[in-house]
Amino acid sequence: MEIKIQAIHFDATDKLQAFIEKKTAKLEKTYEDIQAVEVVCKVVKPATAQNKEVSITVNVPGNRVFVEKVSDTFEEATDLCVDSLKVQLQKIKEKMRNR
C-alpha cells in the first residue's frame, strides 16, 4: 500500500506525517486490497478555529473512496477520516462478499 501525504499552505512536521502514516496503515486491517492512499492536509481560514482540513482518498480495486473532515487539529481530522473510511470500506467488502 502506497501512502502519499500532501500539505497545502503549511509545512507538515515529521511527527504529523508519522501519525498520518500510522493511522492510514490501520485501514489495511479493514480492507486488505488497498492499492494507494492519498492524504491532503490543508489550512483553511488561518485566523479561525476549526480550520484544519484533511481529505483522504483510498484506491481499492474497482472503487475510489473519498472522505473529507474539518477539525481543530490535523490529528483529530485524520482520526475522523479514518473512522469514516473504515465504515465505507466495510460496506464495500460486504458488497464484494455478496456477489
Protein backbone atom coordinates (compact mmCIF):
# COMPACT_ATOMS: atom_id res chain seq x y z
CA MET A 1 0.00 0.00 0.00
CA GLU A 2 1.39 3.36 -1.06
CA ILE A 3 0.72 6.39 1.16
CA LYS A 4 1.11 9.93 -0.22
CA ILE A 5 0.89 12.91 2.11
CA GLN A 6 0.48 16.43 0.77
CA ALA A 7 0.47 19.60 2.90
CA ILE A 8 -1.12 22.76 1.49
CA HIS A 9 -0.43 26.24 2.96
CA PHE A 10 1.91 24.87 5.66
CA ASP A 11 4.85 22.52 6.23
CA ALA A 12 3.90 19.17 7.77
CA THR A 13 6.15 18.06 10.62
CA ASP A 14 7.72 14.61 10.70
CA LYS A 15 5.59 13.86 13.75
CA LEU A 16 2.37 14.68 11.85
CA GLN A 17 3.45 12.60 8.84
CA ALA A 18 4.29 9.63 11.08
CA PHE A 19 0.90 9.96 12.80
CA ILE A 20 -0.96 10.01 9.46
CA GLU A 21 1.01 7.04 8.12
CA LYS A 22 0.34 5.04 11.28
CA LYS A 23 -3.42 5.77 11.19
CA THR A 24 -3.87 5.10 7.47
CA ALA A 25 -1.85 1.87 7.67
CA LYS A 26 -4.51 0.53 10.05
CA LEU A 27 -7.04 0.68 7.18
CA GLU A 28 -5.45 -2.48 5.78
CA LYS A 29 -6.94 -4.41 8.70
CA THR A 30 -10.41 -3.45 7.43
CA TYR A 31 -9.75 -3.96 3.71
CA GLU A 32 -6.70 -5.91 2.54
CA ASP A 33 -6.59 -4.89 -1.15
CA ILE A 34 -5.92 -1.17 -0.73
CA GLN A 35 -3.68 -0.01 -3.58
CA ALA A 36 -2.96 3.61 -2.64
CA VAL A 37 -3.89 6.22 -0.06
CA GLU A 38 -3.64 9.96 -0.76
CA VAL A 39 -3.84 12.32 2.21
CA VAL A 40 -4.20 16.08 1.70
CA CYS A 41 -3.84 18.36 4.73
CA LYS A 42 -4.90 21.96 4.29
CA VAL A 43 -5.21 25.06 6.47
CA VAL A 44 -8.36 26.99 5.61
CA LYS A 45 -9.03 30.47 7.03
CA PRO A 46 -5.88 30.61 9.21
CA ALA A 47 -7.36 33.02 11.79
CA THR A 48 -10.35 30.87 12.83
CA ALA A 49 -10.93 27.72 14.88
CA GLN A 50 -11.94 24.52 13.08
CA ASN A 51 -9.53 25.41 10.27
CA LYS A 52 -7.62 22.15 9.69
CA GLU A 53 -8.98 20.15 6.77
CA VAL A 54 -7.91 16.60 5.97
CA SER A 55 -9.11 14.71 2.92
CA ILE A 56 -8.21 11.10 2.27
CA THR A 57 -8.69 9.21 -0.99
CA VAL A 58 -8.36 5.43 -0.89
CA ASN A 59 -7.97 3.47 -4.12
CA VAL A 60 -9.23 -0.10 -4.00
CA PRO A 61 -9.87 -2.40 -6.98
CA GLY A 62 -12.96 -1.09 -8.79
CA ASN A 63 -13.60 1.74 -6.31
CA ARG A 64 -12.29 5.04 -5.04
CA VAL A 65 -13.34 6.12 -1.55
CA PHE A 66 -13.09 9.79 -0.54
CA VAL A 67 -13.55 11.40 2.88
CA GLU A 68 -13.00 15.00 3.96
CA LYS A 69 -13.19 16.31 7.53
CA VAL A 70 -12.52 19.68 9.20
CA SER A 71 -11.38 19.97 12.81
CA ASP A 72 -9.22 21.94 15.28
CA THR A 73 -6.14 19.73 14.72
CA PHE A 74 -4.87 17.62 11.86
CA GLU A 75 -4.67 14.62 14.17
CA GLU A 76 -8.34 14.89 15.12
CA ALA A 77 -9.42 15.37 11.50
CA THR A 78 -7.30 12.37 10.47
CA ASP A 79 -8.94 10.22 13.17
CA LEU A 80 -12.40 11.25 11.95
CA CYS A 81 -11.47 10.47 8.34
CA VAL A 82 -10.02 7.06 9.18
CA ASP A 83 -13.12 6.13 11.23
CA SER A 84 -15.38 7.13 8.35
CA LEU A 85 -13.23 5.24 5.84
CA LYS A 86 -13.39 2.07 7.93
CA VAL A 87 -17.20 2.14 7.70
CA GLN A 88 -17.16 2.75 3.94
CA LEU A 89 -14.54 0.06 3.29
CA GLN A 90 -16.54 -2.40 5.40
CA LYS A 91 -19.61 -1.72 3.22
CA ILE A 92 -17.58 -2.28 0.05
CA LYS A 93 -16.22 -5.53 1.49
CA GLU A 94 -19.77 -6.72 2.32
CA LYS A 95 -20.92 -5.98 -1.24
CA MET A 96 -17.98 -7.95 -2.65
CA ARG A 97 -18.83 -10.91 -0.40
CA ASN A 98 -22.45 -10.95 -1.51
CA ARG A 99 -21.50 -11.35 -5.17
